[in-house]
């Protein structure tokens, strides 16, 4: 994983000393070499400072509120909680990828792209909406700023990764968020990743690939295959990646549309 593709969630965990020692040492080394990476880390710290300042400004107003009787206690507390949660939401959505808790999850009968029955690995994508989330069809139109939740169906395969290529040729790793080995997969109808993904201004399309295997495998050959595919196919998304033997893949395409 290059410094350019270190997700914000990894930088946030580095800042909070939550990364494994080997991963933290790698991030520290890249911070020493990459000024843009240091700027991103500083921006995360600044966003937390802004949130703390907002909470500090609210505290005197909350203390000054007259104390209600016992019957009104809960009614008084709810607006304060809503204000605090709204401030937290502003800080979270500003980051890419963005951590969200979906209001609605996948329905039991949701179809997963690439899955025939339950025996083939596949992908499912959801877009956050004002009312919760909506399941997207393969080839659906998406826009800059959309929050996308990626899910997979392992179909009994114990190891896998998810990577995407955008219309500008950038390759992004979604699963695992860090490390050089494929992630241990969870089995289930549809397993959603912990982090949402905010679409940037890259043009034309965003193509997601779910790579699954029955034995542990390295991330590097898959990332190389994705970069090779991105460098040769600019006008349309690559239909598939040239992978080592023994690996299976499913893909999912979003068509990009710029916001007016």
C-alpha atoms as a PDB file:
ATOM      1  CA  UNK A   1       0.000   0.000   0.000  1.00  0.00           C
ATOM      2  CA  UNK A   2       1.530   3.285  -1.127  1.00  0.00           C
ATOM      3  CA  UNK A   3       1.299   6.515   0.820  1.00  0.00           C
ATOM      4  CA  UNK A   4      -1.137   7.861  -1.787  1.00  0.00           C
ATOM      5  CA  UNK A   5      -3.565   5.022  -1.116  1.00  0.00           C
ATOM      6  CA  UNK A   6      -3.420   4.898   2.691  1.00  0.00           C
ATOM      7  CA  UNK A   7      -7.105   5.394   3.692  1.00  0.00           C
ATOM      8  CA  UNK A   8      -8.047   8.075   6.214  1.00  0.00           C
ATOM      9  CA  UNK A   9      -9.314   5.391   8.597  1.00  0.00           C
ATOM     10  CA  UNK A  10      -5.777   3.935   8.757  1.00  0.00           C
ATOM     11  CA  UNK A  11      -4.322   7.395   9.458  1.00  0.00           C
ATOM     12  CA  UNK A  12      -6.963   7.914  12.149  1.00  0.00           C
ATOM     13  CA  UNK A  13      -6.064   4.607  13.814  1.00  0.00           C
ATOM     14  CA  UNK A  14      -2.356   5.544  13.564  1.00  0.00           C
ATOM     15  CA  UNK A  15      -3.090   8.849  15.274  1.00  0.00           C
ATOM     16  CA  UNK A  16      -4.912   7.022  18.079  1.00  0.00           C
ATOM     17  CA  UNK A  17      -2.165   4.353  18.417  1.00  0.00           C
ATOM     18  CA  UNK A  18      -4.616   1.602  17.411  1.00  0.00           C
ATOM     19  CA  UNK A  19      -2.585   0.002  14.598  1.00  0.00           C
ATOM     20  CA  UNK A  20      -0.505  -3.174  14.979  1.00  0.00           C
ATOM     21  CA  UNK A  21       3.174  -2.252  15.586  1.00  0.00           C
ATOM     22  CA  UNK A  22       4.363  -3.404  12.144  1.00  0.00           C
ATOM     23  CA  UNK A  23       1.645  -1.457  10.305  1.00  0.00           C
ATOM     24  CA  UNK A  24       2.212   1.632  12.483  1.00  0.00           C
ATOM     25  CA  UNK A  25       5.933   1.527  11.711  1.00  0.00           C
ATOM     26  CA  UNK A  26       5.191   1.388   7.985  1.00  0.00           C
ATOM     27  CA  UNK A  27       2.821   4.366   8.187  1.00  0.00           C
ATOM     28  CA  UNK A  28       5.378   6.328  10.242  1.00  0.00           C
ATOM     29  CA  UNK A  29       8.021   5.690   7.594  1.00  0.00           C
ATOM     30  CA  UNK A  30       5.748   6.896   4.814  1.00  0.00           C
ATOM     31  CA  UNK A  31       4.794   9.981   6.818  1.00  0.00           C
ATOM     32  CA  UNK A  32       8.474  10.838   7.014  1.00  0.00           C
ATOM     33  CA  UNK A  33       8.780  10.664   3.224  1.00  0.00           C
ATOM     34  CA  UNK A  34       5.474  12.085   2.012  1.00  0.00           C
ATOM     35  CA  UNK A  35       4.487  15.716   2.691  1.00  0.00           C
ATOM     36  CA  UNK A  36       0.946  15.219   1.322  1.00  0.00           C
ATOM     37  CA  UNK A  37       0.398  12.329   3.727  1.00  0.00           C
ATOM     38  CA  UNK A  38       1.498  14.540   6.627  1.00  0.00           C
ATOM     39  CA  UNK A  39      -0.972  17.201   5.455  1.00  0.00           C
ATOM     40  CA  UNK A  40      -3.802  14.631   5.474  1.00  0.00           C
ATOM     41  CA  UNK A  41      -2.877  13.568   9.022  1.00  0.00           C
ATOM     42  CA  UNK A  42      -2.833  17.213  10.124  1.00  0.00           C
ATOM     43  CA  UNK A  43      -6.268  17.744   8.541  1.00  0.00           C
ATOM     44  CA  UNK A  44      -7.702  14.846  10.570  1.00  0.00           C
ATOM     45  CA  UNK A  45      -6.307  16.324  13.759  1.00  0.00           C
ATOM     46  CA  UNK A  46      -7.702  19.752  12.855  1.00  0.00           C
ATOM     47  CA  UNK A  47     -11.191  18.346  12.249  1.00  0.00           C
ATOM     48  CA  UNK A  48     -11.170  16.849  15.754  1.00  0.00           C
ATOM     49  CA  UNK A  49     -10.052  20.200  17.180  1.00  0.00           C
ATOM     50  CA  UNK A  50     -12.976  21.925  15.435  1.00  0.00           C
ATOM     51  CA  UNK A  51     -15.416  19.396  16.905  1.00  0.00           C
ATOM     52  CA  UNK A  52     -14.021  19.871  20.413  1.00  0.00           C
ATOM     53  CA  UNK A  53     -14.349  23.666  20.056  1.00  0.00           C
ATOM     54  CA  UNK A  54     -18.009  23.313  19.003  1.00  0.00           C
ATOM     55  CA  UNK A  55     -18.765  21.114  22.013  1.00  0.00           C
ATOM     56  CA  UNK A  56     -16.952  23.535  24.317  1.00  0.00           C
ATOM     57  CA  UNK A  57     -19.047  26.444  22.991  1.00  0.00           C
ATOM     58  CA  UNK A  58     -22.268  24.489  23.546  1.00  0.00           C
ATOM     59  CA  UNK A  59     -21.482  23.528  27.144  1.00  0.00           C
ATOM     60  CA  UNK A  60     -22.243  26.943  28.788  1.00  0.00           C
ATOM     61  CA  UNK A  61     -25.584  27.139  26.959  1.00  0.00           C
ATOM     62  CA  UNK A  62     -26.563  23.666  28.116  1.00  0.00           C
ATOM     63  CA  UNK A  63     -25.590  24.406  31.730  1.00  0.00           C
ATOM     64  CA  UNK A  64     -27.575  27.686  31.653  1.00  0.00           C
ATOM     65  CA  UNK A  65     -30.806  25.902  30.736  1.00  0.00           C
ATOM     66  CA  UNK A  66     -33.325  25.913  33.637  1.00  0.00           C
ATOM     67  CA  UNK A  67     -33.649  22.492  35.248  1.00  0.00           C
ATOM     68  CA  UNK A  68     -37.017  20.959  34.372  1.00  0.00           C
ATOM     69  CA  UNK A  69     -39.176  18.847  36.613  1.00  0.00           C
ATOM     70  CA  UNK A  70     -38.796  15.052  36.496  1.00  0.00           C
ATOM     71  CA  UNK A  71     -41.545  14.636  33.905  1.00  0.00           C
ATOM     72  CA  UNK A  72     -39.747  16.973  31.491  1.00  0.00           C
ATOM     73  CA  UNK A  73     -36.223  15.671  32.053  1.00  0.00           C
ATOM     74  CA  UNK A  74     -36.124  13.382  29.028  1.00  0.00           C
ATOM     75  CA  UNK A  75     -37.698  16.030  26.751  1.00  0.00           C
ATOM     76  CA  UNK A  76     -34.975  18.508  27.733  1.00  0.00           C
ATOM     77  CA  UNK A  77     -32.138  16.045  27.186  1.00  0.00           C
ATOM     78  CA  UNK A  78     -33.127  14.911  23.692  1.00  0.00           C
ATOM     79  CA  UNK A  79     -32.362  18.196  21.812  1.00  0.00           C
ATOM     80  CA  UNK A  80     -28.892  18.360  23.382  1.00  0.00           C
ATOM     81  CA  UNK A  81     -28.130  14.831  22.252  1.00  0.00           C
ATOM     82  CA  UNK A  82     -29.365  15.621  18.730  1.00  0.00           C
ATOM     83  CA  UNK A  83     -27.094  18.672  18.512  1.00  0.00           C
ATOM     84  CA  UNK A  84     -24.048  16.696  19.656  1.00  0.00           C
ATOM     85  CA  UNK A  85     -24.762  13.841  17.238  1.00  0.00           C
ATOM     86  CA  UNK A  86     -25.206  16.319  14.371  1.00  0.00           C
ATOM     87  CA  UNK A  87     -21.781  17.803  15.110  1.00  0.00           C
ATOM     88  CA  UNK A  88     -20.212  14.352  15.126  1.00  0.00           C
ATOM     89  CA  UNK A  89     -21.901  13.527  11.812  1.00  0.00           C
ATOM     90  CA  UNK A  90     -20.421  16.655  10.197  1.00  0.00           C
ATOM     91  CA  UNK A  91     -16.921  15.610  11.242  1.00  0.00           C
ATOM     92  CA  UNK A  92     -17.370  12.042   9.998  1.00  0.00           C
ATOM     93  CA  UNK A  93     -18.899  12.694   6.582  1.00  0.00           C
ATOM     94  CA  UNK A  94     -16.091  15.079   5.663  1.00  0.00           C
ATOM     95  CA  UNK A  95     -13.602  12.194   5.470  1.00  0.00           C
ATOM     96  CA  UNK A  96     -12.952   9.619   2.748  1.00  0.00           C
ATOM     97  CA  UNK A  97     -13.645   6.814   3.446  1.00  0.00           C
ATOM     98  CA  UNK A  98     -16.395   7.797   5.885  1.00  0.00           C
ATOM     99  CA  UNK A  99     -17.539   5.653   8.780  1.00  0.00           C
ATOM    100  CA  UNK A 100     -21.321   5.303   8.863  1.00  0.00           C
ATOM    101  CA  UNK A 101     -23.923   3.154  10.562  1.00  0.00           C
ATOM    102  CA  UNK A 102     -26.595   2.353   7.973  1.00  0.00           C
ATOM    103  CA  UNK A 103     -30.209   2.970   8.940  1.00  0.00           C
ATOM    104  CA  UNK A 104     -31.256  -0.042   6.908  1.00  0.00           C
ATOM    105  CA  UNK A 105     -29.199  -3.078   5.946  1.00  0.00           C
ATOM    106  CA  UNK A 106     -29.541  -5.494   3.063  1.00  0.00           C
ATOM    107  CA  UNK A 107     -32.806  -7.341   2.808  1.00  0.00           C
ATOM    108  CA  UNK A 108     -32.631 -11.138   3.081  1.00  0.00           C
ATOM    109  CA  UNK A 109     -33.620 -11.543  -0.578  1.00  0.00           C
ATOM    110  CA  UNK A 110     -31.158  -8.943  -1.984  1.00  0.00           C
ATOM    111  CA  UNK A 111     -29.415 -10.282  -5.066  1.00  0.00           C
ATOM    112  CA  UNK A 112     -25.635 -10.032  -5.079  1.00  0.00           C
ATOM    113  CA  UNK A 113     -23.879  -9.182  -8.367  1.00  0.00           C
ATOM    114  CA  UNK A 114     -21.844 -12.110  -9.583  1.00  0.00           C
ATOM    115  CA  UNK A 115     -23.685 -14.646  -7.421  1.00  0.00           C
ATOM    116  CA  UNK A 116     -25.584 -17.518  -8.998  1.00  0.00           C
ATOM    117  CA  UNK A 117     -27.491 -19.013  -6.109  1.00  0.00           C
ATOM    118  CA  UNK A 118     -25.283 -18.964  -3.020  1.00  0.00           C
ATOM    119  CA  UNK A 119     -22.286 -20.817  -4.465  1.00  0.00           C
ATOM    120  CA  UNK A 120     -20.477 -18.001  -6.302  1.00  0.00           C
ATOM    121  CA  UNK A 121     -18.792 -14.973  -4.663  1.00  0.00           C
ATOM    122  CA  UNK A 122     -20.447 -11.648  -5.441  1.00  0.00           C
ATOM    123  CA  UNK A 123     -20.704  -7.930  -4.679  1.00  0.00           C
ATOM    124  CA  UNK A 124     -23.545  -5.701  -3.467  1.00  0.00           C
ATOM    125  CA  UNK A 125     -23.417  -1.884  -3.259  1.00  0.00           C
ATOM    126  CA  UNK A 126     -25.671   0.452  -1.271  1.00  0.00           C
ATOM    127  CA  UNK A 127     -25.960   4.249  -1.395  1.00  0.00           C
ATOM    128  CA  UNK A 128     -26.755   6.279   1.693  1.00  0.00           C
ATOM    129  CA  UNK A 129     -29.965   8.309   1.365  1.00  0.00           C
ATOM    130  CA  UNK A 130     -31.884  10.707   3.589  1.00  0.00           C
ATOM    131  CA  UNK A 131     -34.088   7.797   4.667  1.00  0.00           C
ATOM    132  CA  UNK A 132     -31.350   5.195   5.190  1.00  0.00           C
ATOM    133  CA  UNK A 133     -29.870   3.379   2.212  1.00  0.00           C
ATOM    134  CA  UNK A 134     -30.784   2.040  -1.212  1.00  0.00           C
ATOM    135  CA  UNK A 135     -29.426  -0.994  -3.018  1.00  0.00           C
ATOM    136  CA  UNK A 136     -27.794  -0.150  -6.352  1.00  0.00           C
ATOM    137  CA  UNK A 137     -28.001  -2.166  -9.538  1.00  0.00           C
ATOM    138  CA  UNK A 138     -24.868  -2.993 -11.503  1.00  0.00           C
ATOM    139  CA  UNK A 139     -24.303  -0.064 -13.887  1.00  0.00           C
ATOM    140  CA  UNK A 140     -26.272   2.422 -11.740  1.00  0.00           C
ATOM    141  CA  UNK A 141     -25.531   6.153 -12.005  1.00  0.00           C
ATOM    142  CA  UNK A 142     -23.632   7.629  -9.046  1.00  0.00           C
ATOM    143  CA  UNK A 143     -22.358  11.132  -8.333  1.00  0.00           C
ATOM    144  CA  UNK A 144     -19.421  12.839  -6.669  1.00  0.00           C
ATOM    145  CA  UNK A 145     -20.005  12.896  -2.926  1.00  0.00           C
ATOM    146  CA  UNK A 146     -22.250   9.822  -2.813  1.00  0.00           C
ATOM    147  CA  UNK A 147     -21.555   7.593   0.193  1.00  0.00           C
ATOM    148  CA  UNK A 148     -21.309   4.003  -1.002  1.00  0.00           C
ATOM    149  CA  UNK A 149     -21.384   0.966   1.290  1.00  0.00           C
ATOM    150  CA  UNK A 150     -19.789  -2.132  -0.235  1.00  0.00           C
ATOM    151  CA  UNK A 151     -20.860  -5.646   0.669  1.00  0.00           C
ATOM    152  CA  UNK A 152     -19.811  -9.111  -0.423  1.00  0.00           C
ATOM    153  CA  UNK A 153     -21.045 -12.679  -0.427  1.00  0.00           C
ATOM    154  CA  UNK A 154     -18.173 -15.030   0.343  1.00  0.00           C
ATOM    155  CA  UNK A 155     -20.047 -18.176  -0.795  1.00  0.00           C
ATOM    156  CA  UNK A 156     -17.857 -20.281   1.462  1.00  0.00           C
ATOM    157  CA  UNK A 157     -14.524 -18.815   0.319  1.00  0.00           C
ATOM    158  CA  UNK A 158     -12.506 -18.024   3.438  1.00  0.00           C
ATOM    159  CA  UNK A 159     -10.158 -15.326   2.032  1.00  0.00           C
ATOM    160  CA  UNK A 160     -10.673 -12.276  -0.153  1.00  0.00           C
ATOM    161  CA  UNK A 161     -10.127  -8.620  -0.927  1.00  0.00           C
ATOM    162  CA  UNK A 162     -12.042  -5.777  -2.558  1.00  0.00           C
ATOM    163  CA  UNK A 163     -10.352  -3.226  -4.813  1.00  0.00           C
ATOM    164  CA  UNK A 164     -11.695  -0.524  -7.125  1.00  0.00           C
ATOM    165  CA  UNK A 165     -10.502   1.383 -10.189  1.00  0.00           C
ATOM    166  CA  UNK A 166     -11.919   4.788 -11.116  1.00  0.00           C
ATOM    167  CA  UNK A 167     -12.123   6.570 -14.455  1.00  0.00           C
ATOM    168  CA  UNK A 168      -8.901   8.471 -13.720  1.00  0.00           C
ATOM    169  CA  UNK A 169      -6.995   5.197 -13.296  1.00  0.00           C
ATOM    170  CA  UNK A 170      -6.617   5.369  -9.495  1.00  0.00           C
ATOM    171  CA  UNK A 171      -6.657   2.049  -7.631  1.00  0.00           C
ATOM    172  CA  UNK A 172      -8.152   1.944  -4.109  1.00  0.00           C
ATOM    173  CA  UNK A 173      -8.069  -0.957  -1.656  1.00  0.00           C
ATOM    174  CA  UNK A 174     -11.251  -1.375   0.389  1.00  0.00           C
ATOM    175  CA  UNK A 175     -10.675  -4.756   2.023  1.00  0.00           C
ATOM    176  CA  UNK A 176      -8.385  -5.228   3.834  1.00  0.00           C
ATOM    177  CA  UNK A 177      -7.830  -1.539   4.758  1.00  0.00           C
ATOM    178  CA  UNK A 178      -4.166  -2.309   5.500  1.00  0.00           C
ATOM    179  CA  UNK A 179      -1.735  -5.179   5.244  1.00  0.00           C
ATOM    180  CA  UNK A 180      -0.269  -7.334   2.492  1.00  0.00           C
ATOM    181  CA  UNK A 181      -2.490 -10.439   2.800  1.00  0.00           C
ATOM    182  CA  UNK A 182      -6.102 -11.045   1.827  1.00  0.00           C
ATOM    183  CA  UNK A 183      -8.659 -10.612   4.604  1.00  0.00           C
ATOM    184  CA  UNK A 184     -10.406 -13.453   6.399  1.00  0.00           C
ATOM    185  CA  UNK A 185     -13.970 -13.338   5.061  1.00  0.00           C
ATOM    186  CA  UNK A 186     -17.204 -13.683   7.003  1.00  0.00           C
ATOM    187  CA  UNK A 187     -19.823 -16.031   5.674  1.00  0.00           C
ATOM    188  CA  UNK A 188     -23.372 -14.783   5.306  1.00  0.00           C
ATOM    189  CA  UNK A 189     -25.962 -13.609   2.809  1.00  0.00           C
ATOM    190  CA  UNK A 190     -24.341 -10.171   2.450  1.00  0.00           C
ATOM    191  CA  UNK A 191     -21.518  -8.870   4.644  1.00  0.00           C
ATOM    192  CA  UNK A 192     -21.105  -5.077   4.647  1.00  0.00           C
ATOM    193  CA  UNK A 193     -17.707  -3.446   5.090  1.00  0.00           C
ATOM    194  CA  UNK A 194     -17.320  -1.305   8.199  1.00  0.00           C
ATOM    195  CA  UNK A 195     -16.471   1.822   6.231  1.00  0.00           C
ATOM    196  CA  UNK A 196     -18.459   3.711   3.625  1.00  0.00           C
ATOM    197  CA  UNK A 197     -16.670   5.045   0.541  1.00  0.00           C
ATOM    198  CA  UNK A 198     -17.211   8.616  -0.660  1.00  0.00           C
ATOM    199  CA  UNK A 199     -17.014   8.966  -4.437  1.00  0.00           C
ATOM    200  CA  UNK A 200     -14.576  11.644  -5.577  1.00  0.00           C
ATOM    201  CA  UNK A 201     -14.517  13.656  -8.799  1.00  0.00           C
ATOM    202  CA  UNK A 202     -12.889  10.956 -10.944  1.00  0.00           C
ATOM    203  CA  UNK A 203     -14.837  10.861 -14.239  1.00  0.00           C
ATOM    204  CA  UNK A 204     -16.893   8.283 -16.140  1.00  0.00           C
ATOM    205  CA  UNK A 205     -17.038   5.233 -13.872  1.00  0.00           C
ATOM    206  CA  UNK A 206     -15.919   3.372 -10.762  1.00  0.00           C
ATOM    207  CA  UNK A 207     -15.366  -0.383 -11.025  1.00  0.00           C
ATOM    208  CA  UNK A 208     -15.275  -2.625  -7.928  1.00  0.00           C
ATOM    209  CA  UNK A 209     -13.719  -6.107  -7.853  1.00  0.00           C
ATOM    210  CA  UNK A 210     -14.209  -8.793  -5.217  1.00  0.00           C
ATOM    211  CA  UNK A 211     -11.376 -11.331  -5.371  1.00  0.00           C
ATOM    212  CA  UNK A 212     -11.896 -14.548  -3.383  1.00  0.00           C
ATOM    213  CA  UNK A 213      -9.802 -17.638  -2.763  1.00  0.00           C
ATOM    214  CA  UNK A 214      -9.905 -20.892  -0.854  1.00  0.00           C
ATOM    215  CA  UNK A 215      -6.373 -20.417   0.512  1.00  0.00           C
ATOM    216  CA  UNK A 216      -4.515 -17.325   1.815  1.00  0.00           C
ATOM    217  CA  UNK A 217      -3.057 -15.110  -0.927  1.00  0.00           C
ATOM    218  CA  UNK A 218      -1.034 -11.903  -1.285  1.00  0.00           C
ATOM    219  CA  UNK A 219      -2.565  -8.509  -2.035  1.00  0.00           C
ATOM    220  CA  UNK A 220       0.318  -7.297  -4.246  1.00  0.00           C
ATOM    221  CA  UNK A 221      -0.387  -9.409  -7.400  1.00  0.00           C
ATOM    222  CA  UNK A 222      -4.038  -8.292  -7.394  1.00  0.00           C
ATOM    223  CA  UNK A 223      -3.099  -4.620  -6.992  1.00  0.00           C
ATOM    224  CA  UNK A 224      -0.601  -4.963  -9.859  1.00  0.00           C
ATOM    225  CA  UNK A 225      -3.303  -6.543 -12.031  1.00  0.00           C
ATOM    226  CA  UNK A 226      -5.674  -3.669 -11.182  1.00  0.00           C
ATOM    227  CA  UNK A 227      -3.058  -1.042 -12.049  1.00  0.00           C
ATOM    228  CA  UNK A 228      -2.211  -2.806 -15.302  1.00  0.00           C
ATOM    229  CA  UNK A 229      -5.901  -2.899 -16.208  1.00  0.00           C
ATOM    230  CA  UNK A 230      -6.341   0.767 -15.282  1.00  0.00           C
ATOM    231  CA  UNK A 231      -3.408   1.830 -17.459  1.00  0.00           C
ATOM    232  CA  UNK A 232      -4.765   0.085 -20.568  1.00  0.00           C
ATOM    233  CA  UNK A 233      -8.507   0.833 -20.308  1.00  0.00           C
ATOM    234  CA  UNK A 234      -9.303   4.535 -19.954  1.00  0.00           C
ATOM    235  CA  UNK A 235     -12.555   4.811 -21.918  1.00  0.00           C
ATOM    236  CA  UNK A 236     -14.420   1.973 -20.215  1.00  0.00           C
ATOM    237  CA  UNK A 237     -13.929  -0.118 -17.068  1.00  0.00           C
ATOM    238  CA  UNK A 238     -11.894  -3.329 -17.424  1.00  0.00           C
ATOM    239  CA  UNK A 239     -14.227  -6.324 -17.538  1.00  0.00           C
ATOM    240  CA  UNK A 240     -11.878  -8.409 -15.415  1.00  0.00           C
ATOM    241  CA  UNK A 241      -8.416  -8.581 -13.882  1.00  0.00           C
ATOM    242  CA  UNK A 242      -5.609 -10.934 -14.926  1.00  0.00           C
ATOM    243  CA  UNK A 243      -5.255 -12.866 -11.665  1.00  0.00           C
ATOM    244  CA  UNK A 244      -3.098 -15.733 -10.407  1.00  0.00           C
ATOM    245  CA  UNK A 245      -4.626 -19.181 -10.778  1.00  0.00           C
ATOM    246  CA  UNK A 246      -7.027 -20.302  -8.084  1.00  0.00           C
ATOM    247  CA  UNK A 247      -8.629 -16.900  -7.497  1.00  0.00           C
ATOM    248  CA  UNK A 248     -12.223 -15.998  -8.400  1.00  0.00           C
ATOM    249  CA  UNK A 249     -13.540 -12.520  -9.104  1.00  0.00           C
ATOM    250  CA  UNK A 250     -16.809 -10.622  -9.324  1.00  0.00           C
ATOM    251  CA  UNK A 251     -17.139  -7.021 -10.513  1.00  0.00           C
ATOM    252  CA  UNK A 252     -19.627  -4.167 -10.080  1.00  0.00           C
ATOM    253  CA  UNK A 253     -19.739  -0.945 -12.121  1.00  0.00           C
ATOM    254  CA  UNK A 254     -20.996   2.513 -11.144  1.00  0.00           C
ATOM    255  CA  UNK A 255     -21.425   5.082 -13.911  1.00  0.00           C
ATOM    256  CA  UNK A 256     -20.221   8.497 -12.734  1.00  0.00           C
ATOM    257  CA  UNK A 257     -22.253  11.647 -13.223  1.00  0.00           C
ATOM    258  CA  UNK A 258     -20.932  15.016 -12.046  1.00  0.00           C
ATOM    259  CA  UNK A 259     -23.142  17.062  -9.750  1.00  0.00           C
ATOM    260  CA  UNK A 260     -24.301  20.354 -11.298  1.00  0.00           C
END
